[in-house]
Protein backbone atom coordinates (compact mmCIF):
# COMPACT_ATOMS: atom_id res chain seq x y z
CA MET A 1 0.00 0.00 0.00
CA PRO A 2 1.50 3.40 -0.92
CA HIS A 3 2.63 5.69 1.87
CA GLY A 4 -0.25 7.76 3.25
CA VAL A 5 -2.93 5.42 1.85
CA HIS A 6 -4.82 3.35 4.41
CA ARG A 7 -7.26 0.50 4.05
CA ILE A 8 -9.73 2.30 6.33
CA PRO A 9 -10.05 6.09 6.03
CA ALA A 10 -9.51 8.08 9.23
CA LYS A 11 -12.54 9.29 11.18
CA THR A 12 -12.59 12.45 13.24
CA TYR A 13 -13.78 12.59 16.81
CA ARG A 14 -13.18 15.41 19.24
CA PRO A 15 -12.77 14.25 22.83
CA GLU A 16 -12.31 16.84 25.53
CA PRO A 17 -8.54 17.42 25.87
CA GLU A 18 -8.35 16.32 29.52
CA LEU A 19 -10.44 13.21 28.82
CA LEU A 20 -8.15 12.31 25.93
CA GLU A 21 -5.05 12.56 28.14
CA ARG A 22 -6.67 10.38 30.83
CA ALA A 23 -7.71 7.84 28.17
CA LYS A 24 -4.16 7.69 26.76
CA ALA A 25 -2.81 7.03 30.25
CA ALA A 26 -5.46 4.38 30.90
CA VAL A 27 -4.82 2.36 27.73
CA ALA A 28 -1.07 2.54 28.35
CA GLU A 29 -1.62 1.00 31.80
CA VAL A 30 -3.37 -2.01 30.25
CA ASP A 31 -0.89 -2.33 27.35
CA SER A 32 -3.36 -1.28 24.67
CA THR A 33 -4.05 1.59 22.27
CA LEU A 34 -6.85 4.10 21.90
CA ASN A 35 -7.74 2.63 18.50
CA ALA A 36 -8.01 -0.90 19.87
CA HIS A 37 -10.14 0.24 22.80
CA ILE A 38 -12.47 2.34 20.65
CA ASN A 39 -12.99 -0.58 18.26
CA GLU A 40 -13.70 -2.97 21.15
CA PHE A 41 -16.14 -0.50 22.68
CA PHE A 42 -17.95 -0.17 19.33
CA LYS A 43 -18.21 -3.99 19.14
CA TRP A 44 -19.76 -4.01 22.61
CA LEU A 45 -22.08 -1.11 21.70
CA THR A 46 -23.32 -2.90 18.57
CA HIS A 47 -23.78 -6.24 20.37
CA GLU A 48 -20.98 -8.02 18.51
CA THR A 49 -19.57 -8.92 21.93
CA ASP A 50 -20.57 -8.80 25.58
CA GLU A 51 -17.01 -8.06 26.68
CA LEU A 52 -15.97 -4.50 27.40
CA PRO A 53 -12.29 -3.67 26.85
CA LYS A 54 -9.96 -3.98 29.83
CA ARG A 55 -9.43 -0.92 32.00
CA PRO A 56 -7.03 -0.13 34.83
CA ASP A 57 -8.05 -1.07 38.36
CA LYS A 58 -7.75 2.58 39.41
CA PRO A 59 -8.09 5.88 37.53
CA PRO A 60 -4.86 6.73 35.74
CA VAL A 61 -2.53 9.27 37.31
CA LEU A 62 -1.49 12.00 34.90
CA PRO A 63 1.98 13.50 35.16
CA SER A 64 1.85 17.03 36.52
């Protein structure tokens, strides 16, 4: 596939900046990515699965 061409076109979403930073920290704690978690949440939302993606045991701590 040529550089810059992707199988699935990008979608735009606009999370609140602080929420995005907390989400990045949370997926890092469970060794995942935002993309993987969003896809798994969509599968749960559309009843393709009953399993929600893994999340940390405690809220993530953001560096100050």
